[in-house]
PDB file of N, CA and C in Angstrom:
ATOM      1  N   MET A   1     -56.255   4.705   7.841  1.00  0.00           N
ATOM      2  CA  MET A   1     -55.328   3.463   6.789  1.00  0.00           C
ATOM      3  C   MET A   1     -54.419   3.500   6.478  1.00  0.00           C
ATOM      4  N   VAL A   2     -53.773   2.111   7.382  1.00  0.00           N
ATOM      5  CA  VAL A   2     -52.735   1.515   7.070  1.00  0.00           C
ATOM      6  C   VAL A   2     -52.569   0.904   5.079  1.00  0.00           C
ATOM      7  N   LYS A   3     -51.612   2.317   4.409  1.00  0.00           N
ATOM      8  CA  LYS A   3     -51.144   1.615   3.190  1.00  0.00           C
ATOM      9  C   LYS A   3     -50.025   1.175   3.014  1.00  0.00           C
ATOM     10  N   PHE A   4     -50.143  -0.373   1.873  1.00  0.00           N
ATOM     11  CA  PHE A   4     -49.285  -1.002   1.507  1.00  0.00           C
ATOM     12  C   PHE A   4     -48.762  -1.192   0.270  1.00  0.00           C
ATOM     13  N   SER A   5     -47.376  -1.005   0.007  1.00  0.00           N
ATOM     14  CA  SER A   5     -46.541  -0.812  -0.574  1.00  0.00           C
ATOM     15  C   SER A   5     -45.755  -2.357  -1.809  1.00  0.00           C
ATOM     16  N   ASN A   6     -46.663  -2.618  -2.859  1.00  0.00           N
ATOM     17  CA  ASN A   6     -45.550  -3.424  -4.289  1.00  0.00           C
ATOM     18  C   ASN A   6     -44.786  -3.659  -4.226  1.00  0.00           C
ATOM     19  N   LYS A   7     -43.485  -2.730  -3.770  1.00  0.00           N
ATOM     20  CA  LYS A   7     -41.926  -1.958  -4.090  1.00  0.00           C
ATOM     21  C   LYS A   7     -40.969  -2.778  -3.578  1.00  0.00           C
ATOM     22  N   PRO A   8     -40.628  -3.663  -4.076  1.00  0.00           N
ATOM     23  CA  PRO A   8     -39.864  -4.333  -2.859  1.00  0.00           C
ATOM     24  C   PRO A   8     -38.505  -3.408  -2.440  1.00  0.00           C
ATOM     25  N   ASN A   9     -37.726  -4.095  -0.872  1.00  0.00           N
ATOM     26  CA  ASN A   9     -37.433  -2.946  -0.527  1.00  0.00           C
ATOM     27  C   ASN A   9     -35.913  -3.160  -0.416  1.00  0.00           C
ATOM     28  N   THR A  10     -34.911  -2.908  -1.455  1.00  0.00           N
ATOM     29  CA  THR A  10     -33.741  -2.956  -2.582  1.00  0.00           C
ATOM     30  C   THR A  10     -33.243  -1.919  -1.032  1.00  0.00           C
ATOM     31  N   ARG A  11     -32.603  -1.471  -0.661  1.00  0.00           N
ATOM     32  CA  ARG A  11     -32.092  -0.435   0.451  1.00  0.00           C
ATOM     33  C   ARG A  11     -31.099  -1.336   0.907  1.00  0.00           C
ATOM     34  N   GLY A  12     -32.006  -2.409   1.474  1.00  0.00           N
ATOM     35  CA  GLY A  12     -30.434  -3.173   1.887  1.00  0.00           C
ATOM     36  C   GLY A  12     -29.541  -4.256   1.097  1.00  0.00           C
ATOM     37  N   ILE A  13     -29.926  -4.291   0.292  1.00  0.00           N
ATOM     38  CA  ILE A  13     -29.803  -5.198  -1.305  1.00  0.00           C
ATOM     39  C   ILE A  13     -28.550  -4.035  -1.313  1.00  0.00           C
ATOM     40  N   LYS A  14     -28.738  -3.091  -2.169  1.00  0.00           N
ATOM     41  CA  LYS A  14     -27.562  -2.070  -2.196  1.00  0.00           C
ATOM     42  C   LYS A  14     -27.477  -1.960  -0.773  1.00  0.00           C
ATOM     43  N   ASN A  15     -27.166  -1.753  -0.524  1.00  0.00           N
ATOM     44  CA  ASN A  15     -25.725  -1.779   0.565  1.00  0.00           C
ATOM     45  C   ASN A  15     -25.242  -2.737   0.584  1.00  0.00           C
ATOM     46  N   THR A  16     -25.935  -4.232   1.414  1.00  0.00           N
ATOM     47  CA  THR A  16     -24.636  -5.140   1.172  1.00  0.00           C
ATOM     48  C   THR A  16     -23.709  -5.246  -0.557  1.00  0.00           C
ATOM     49  N   SER A  17     -24.423  -4.418  -1.277  1.00  0.00           N
ATOM     50  CA  SER A  17     -23.772  -5.664  -2.958  1.00  0.00           C
ATOM     51  C   SER A  17     -22.587  -4.407  -2.683  1.00  0.00           C
ATOM     52  N   SER A  18     -22.744  -2.595  -2.090  1.00  0.00           N
ATOM     53  CA  SER A  18     -22.048  -1.869  -1.916  1.00  0.00           C
ATOM     54  C   SER A  18     -20.827  -2.077  -1.692  1.00  0.00           C
ATOM     55  N   ASN A  19     -20.464  -3.222  -0.257  1.00  0.00           N
ATOM     56  CA  ASN A  19     -20.249  -2.986   0.830  1.00  0.00           C
ATOM     57  C   ASN A  19     -19.087  -3.915   0.371  1.00  0.00           C
ATOM     58  N   ILE A  20     -19.549  -5.690  -0.322  1.00  0.00           N
ATOM     59  CA  ILE A  20     -19.020  -6.690  -0.568  1.00  0.00           C
ATOM     60  C   ILE A  20     -18.113  -5.732  -2.098  1.00  0.00           C
ATOM     61  N   GLU A  21     -18.519  -4.894  -2.871  1.00  0.00           N
ATOM     62  CA  GLU A  21     -18.005  -4.367  -4.003  1.00  0.00           C
ATOM     63  C   GLU A  21     -16.937  -3.642  -3.098  1.00  0.00           C
ATOM     64  N   TYR A  22     -16.759  -3.044  -2.389  1.00  0.00           N
ATOM     65  CA  TYR A  22     -15.680  -1.929  -1.162  1.00  0.00           C
ATOM     66  C   TYR A  22     -14.669  -3.456  -0.720  1.00  0.00           C
ATOM     67  N   ARG A  23     -15.070  -4.456  -0.281  1.00  0.00           N
ATOM     68  CA  ARG A  23     -13.927  -5.088   0.296  1.00  0.00           C
ATOM     69  C   ARG A  23     -13.135  -5.713  -0.707  1.00  0.00           C
ATOM     70  N   SER A  24     -14.388  -6.304  -2.041  1.00  0.00           N
ATOM     71  CA  SER A  24     -13.748  -6.165  -2.651  1.00  0.00           C
ATOM     72  C   SER A  24     -12.563  -5.990  -3.847  1.00  0.00           C
ATOM     73  N   LYS A  25     -12.734  -4.870  -3.505  1.00  0.00           N
ATOM     74  CA  LYS A  25     -11.477  -3.758  -3.710  1.00  0.00           C
ATOM     75  C   LYS A  25     -10.179  -3.541  -2.667  1.00  0.00           C
ATOM     76  N   LEU A  26     -11.065  -3.969  -1.901  1.00  0.00           N
ATOM     77  CA  LEU A  26      -9.385  -2.914  -1.442  1.00  0.00           C
ATOM     78  C   LEU A  26      -8.807  -4.878  -0.302  1.00  0.00           C
ATOM     79  N   ILE A  27      -9.358  -6.170  -1.079  1.00  0.00           N
ATOM     80  CA  ILE A  27      -8.435  -7.347  -1.648  1.00  0.00           C
ATOM     81  C   ILE A  27      -7.942  -7.565  -2.374  1.00  0.00           C
ATOM     82  N   GLY A  28      -8.533  -6.520  -3.400  1.00  0.00           N
ATOM     83  CA  GLY A  28      -7.467  -6.551  -4.458  1.00  0.00           C
ATOM     84  C   GLY A  28      -6.346  -5.613  -4.868  1.00  0.00           C
ATOM     85  N   ARG A  29      -6.455  -4.364  -3.654  1.00  0.00           N
ATOM     86  CA  ARG A  29      -5.551  -3.492  -4.288  1.00  0.00           C
ATOM     87  C   ARG A  29      -4.641  -3.848  -2.544  1.00  0.00           C
ATOM     88  N   GLU A  30      -4.868  -4.651  -2.034  1.00  0.00           N
ATOM     89  CA  GLU A  30      -3.507  -5.205  -1.221  1.00  0.00           C
ATOM     90  C   GLU A  30      -3.021  -5.908  -1.384  1.00  0.00           C
ATOM     91  N   GLY A  31      -3.143  -6.988  -2.650  1.00  0.00           N
ATOM     92  CA  GLY A  31      -2.448  -8.522  -3.450  1.00  0.00           C
ATOM     93  C   GLY A  31      -2.280  -7.160  -4.299  1.00  0.00           C
ATOM     94  N   ARG A  32      -2.363  -6.471  -4.802  1.00  0.00           N
ATOM     95  CA  ARG A  32      -1.191  -5.980  -5.785  1.00  0.00           C
ATOM     96  C   ARG A  32      -0.011  -5.263  -5.324  1.00  0.00           C
ATOM     97  N   LEU A  33      -0.600  -4.373  -4.267  1.00  0.00           N
ATOM     98  CA  LEU A  33       0.253  -3.699  -3.197  1.00  0.00           C
ATOM     99  C   LEU A  33       1.216  -5.168  -3.039  1.00  0.00           C
ATOM    100  N   TYR A  34       1.045  -5.597  -1.855  1.00  0.00           N
ATOM    101  CA  TYR A  34       1.833  -7.542  -1.854  1.00  0.00           C
ATOM    102  C   TYR A  34       2.639  -7.538  -3.118  1.00  0.00           C
ATOM    103  N   ALA A  35       2.008  -7.591  -4.485  1.00  0.00           N
ATOM    104  CA  ALA A  35       3.059  -8.578  -5.039  1.00  0.00           C
ATOM    105  C   ALA A  35       4.120  -7.075  -5.796  1.00  0.00           C
ATOM    106  N   GLY A  36       4.208  -6.261  -5.490  1.00  0.00           N
ATOM    107  CA  GLY A  36       4.089  -4.826  -6.128  1.00  0.00           C
ATOM    108  C   GLY A  36       6.182  -4.947  -4.959  1.00  0.00           C
ATOM    109  N   VAL A  37       5.670  -4.863  -3.964  1.00  0.00           N
ATOM    110  CA  VAL A  37       6.525  -4.868  -2.751  1.00  0.00           C
ATOM    111  C   VAL A  37       7.693  -6.456  -2.961  1.00  0.00           C
ATOM    112  N   ASN A  38       6.799  -7.600  -2.838  1.00  0.00           N
ATOM    113  CA  ASN A  38       7.655  -8.362  -3.352  1.00  0.00           C
ATOM    114  C   ASN A  38       8.405  -7.994  -5.181  1.00  0.00           C
ATOM    115  N   SER A  39       8.129  -7.841  -6.176  1.00  0.00           N
ATOM    116  CA  SER A  39       8.897  -7.934  -7.183  1.00  0.00           C
ATOM    117  C   SER A  39       9.941  -6.777  -6.526  1.00  0.00           C
ATOM    118  N   THR A  40       9.703  -5.651  -5.826  1.00  0.00           N
ATOM    119  CA  THR A  40      11.477  -4.776  -5.628  1.00  0.00           C
ATOM    120  C   THR A  40      12.411  -4.872  -4.441  1.00  0.00           C
ATOM    121  N   ARG A  41      11.363  -6.087  -3.866  1.00  0.00           N
ATOM    122  CA  ARG A  41      12.241  -5.993  -2.811  1.00  0.00           C
ATOM    123  C   ARG A  41      13.619  -6.140  -2.972  1.00  0.00           C
ATOM    124  N   PHE A  42      14.406  -7.231  -3.119  1.00  0.00           N
ATOM    125  CA  PHE A  42      15.772  -7.048  -3.989  1.00  0.00           C
ATOM    126  C   PHE A  42      16.589  -5.717  -4.088  1.00  0.00           C
ATOM    127  N   SER A  43      16.257  -6.030  -5.254  1.00  0.00           N
ATOM    128  CA  SER A  43      17.002  -4.526  -5.687  1.00  0.00           C
ATOM    129  C   SER A  43      16.759  -3.067  -5.119  1.00  0.00           C
ATOM    130  N   GLY A  44      15.580  -2.979  -3.961  1.00  0.00           N
ATOM    131  CA  GLY A  44      15.452  -2.037  -3.296  1.00  0.00           C
ATOM    132  C   GLY A  44      16.212  -2.406  -1.456  1.00  0.00           C
ATOM    133  N   MET A  45      16.608  -4.078  -1.388  1.00  0.00           N
ATOM    134  CA  MET A  45      17.507  -4.041  -0.268  1.00  0.00           C
ATOM    135  C   MET A  45      19.479  -3.449  -1.159  1.00  0.00           C
ATOM    136  N   ALA A  46      19.535  -4.039  -2.536  1.00  0.00           N
ATOM    137  CA  ALA A  46      20.647  -3.759  -2.376  1.00  0.00           C
ATOM    138  C   ALA A  46      21.193  -2.447  -3.303  1.00  0.00           C
ATOM    139  N   LEU A  47      19.625  -2.097  -2.937  1.00  0.00           N
ATOM    140  CA  LEU A  47      20.270  -0.227  -2.881  1.00  0.00           C
ATOM    141  C   LEU A  47      20.282   0.258  -1.782  1.00  0.00           C
ATOM    142  N   GLY A  48      19.529   0.267  -0.585  1.00  0.00           N
ATOM    143  CA  GLY A  48      19.553   0.466   1.183  1.00  0.00           C
ATOM    144  C   GLY A  48      21.124   0.089   1.425  1.00  0.00           C
ATOM    145  N   VAL A  49      21.831  -1.213   0.525  1.00  0.00           N
ATOM    146  CA  VAL A  49      22.607  -1.508   1.877  1.00  0.00           C
ATOM    147  C   VAL A  49      24.204  -0.626   0.293  1.00  0.00           C
ATOM    148  N   GLY A  50      24.175  -0.436  -0.305  1.00  0.00           N
ATOM    149  CA  GLY A  50      24.335   0.209  -1.414  1.00  0.00           C
ATOM    150  C   GLY A  50      24.859   2.296  -0.673  1.00  0.00           C
ATOM    151  N   ILE A  51      23.620   2.632  -0.191  1.00  0.00           N
ATOM    152  CA  ILE A  51      23.730   3.791  -0.063  1.00  0.00           C
ATOM    153  C   ILE A  51      24.270   3.828   1.369  1.00  0.00           C
ATOM    154  N   ALA A  52      24.362   2.835   1.543  1.00  0.00           N
ATOM    155  CA  ALA A  52      24.157   2.466   3.046  1.00  0.00           C
ATOM    156  C   ALA A  52      26.045   2.495   3.201  1.00  0.00           C
ATOM    157  N   LEU A  53      26.310   2.036   3.097  1.00  0.00           N
ATOM    158  CA  LEU A  53      27.891   1.928   2.029  1.00  0.00           C
ATOM    159  C   LEU A  53      29.028   3.162   1.296  1.00  0.00           C
ATOM    160  N   CYS A  54      28.370   3.669   0.288  1.00  0.00           N
ATOM    161  CA  CYS A  54      28.749   4.771   0.704  1.00  0.00           C
ATOM    162  C   CYS A  54      28.784   5.563   1.280  1.00  0.00           C
ATOM    163  N   LEU A  55      27.406   6.045   2.100  1.00  0.00           N
ATOM    164  CA  LEU A  55      27.647   7.261   3.265  1.00  0.00           C
ATOM    165  C   LEU A  55      29.054   6.422   4.340  1.00  0.00           C
ATOM    166  N   ILE A  56      28.903   5.263   4.710  1.00  0.00           N
ATOM    167  CA  ILE A  56      30.107   4.801   5.561  1.00  0.00           C
ATOM    168  C   ILE A  56      31.247   5.146   4.784  1.00  0.00           C
ATOM    169  N   VAL A  57      31.905   5.708   4.003  1.00  0.00           N
ATOM    170  CA  VAL A  57      32.844   5.597   3.470  1.00  0.00           C
ATOM    171  C   VAL A  57      32.709   7.076   3.521  1.00  0.00           C
ATOM    172  N   ILE A  58      32.098   7.946   2.935  1.00  0.00           N
ATOM    173  CA  ILE A  58      32.261   9.123   2.315  1.00  0.00           C
ATOM    174  C   ILE A  58      32.210  10.234   3.220  1.00  0.00           C
ATOM    175  N   ILE A  59      31.128   9.374   4.299  1.00  0.00           N
ATOM    176  CA  ILE A  59      31.275  10.937   5.210  1.00  0.00           C
ATOM    177  C   ILE A  59      32.511  10.674   6.485  1.00  0.00           C
ATOM    178  N   PRO A  60      33.368   9.668   6.939  1.00  0.00           N
ATOM    179  CA  PRO A  60      34.652   9.482   7.085  1.00  0.00           C
ATOM    180  C   PRO A  60      35.427  10.434   6.570  1.00  0.00           C
ATOM    181  N   TYR A  61      35.439  10.297   5.347  1.00  0.00           N
ATOM    182  CA  TYR A  61      36.000  11.103   4.188  1.00  0.00           C
ATOM    183  C   TYR A  61      35.813  12.079   4.030  1.00  0.00           C
ATOM    184  N   LEU A  62      34.726  12.779   4.342  1.00  0.00           N
ATOM    185  CA  LEU A  62      35.168  14.176   4.438  1.00  0.00           C
ATOM    186  C   LEU A  62      35.206  14.878   5.355  1.00  0.00           C
ATOM    187  N   ALA A  63      35.141  14.017   6.478  1.00  0.00           N
ATOM    188  CA  ALA A  63      34.577  15.022   7.868  1.00  0.00           C
ATOM    189  C   ALA A  63      37.106  14.510   7.988  1.00  0.00           C
ATOM    190  N   LYS A  64      37.610  14.092   7.229  1.00  0.00           N
ATOM    191  CA  LYS A  64      38.687  13.952   7.257  1.00  0.00           C
ATOM    192  C   LYS A  64      39.968  15.265   6.493  1.00  0.00           C
ATOM    193  N   LEU A  65      39.502  15.096   5.235  1.00  0.00           N
ATOM    194  CA  LEU A  65      38.733  16.103   4.529  1.00  0.00           C
ATOM    195  C   LEU A  65      38.904  17.414   4.702  1.00  0.00           C
ATOM    196  N   CYS A  66      37.896  17.987   5.360  1.00  0.00           N
ATOM    197  CA  CYS A  66      37.395  19.256   6.614  1.00  0.00           C
ATOM    198  C   CYS A  66      38.140  20.069   7.392  1.00  0.00           C
ATOM    199  N   GLY A  67      39.304  18.377   8.200  1.00  0.00           N
ATOM    200  CA  GLY A  67      39.817  18.899   9.033  1.00  0.00           C
ATOM    201  C   GLY A  67      38.633  18.274  10.603  1.00  0.00           C
ATOM    202  N   LEU A  68      38.018  17.526  10.246  1.00  0.00           N
ATOM    203  CA  LEU A  68      36.844  17.540  12.171  1.00  0.00           C
ATOM    204  C   LEU A  68      37.953  16.799  12.468  1.00  0.00           C
TER     205      LEU A  68
END
């Protein structure tokens, strides 16, 4: 004899809702990351150029000072 159940099959609904929740969190995380990178873009580039210029000036000066 086959038993029939009157309980709804919610496994598919739960899987779909968890998948949608996961994807929405990924989209939100990507948006926050892009906003953070975008807001620090100019200061990061300026800091990098400043460090590069310091190293271009300091390393040859130190080499000359040490007699290399």
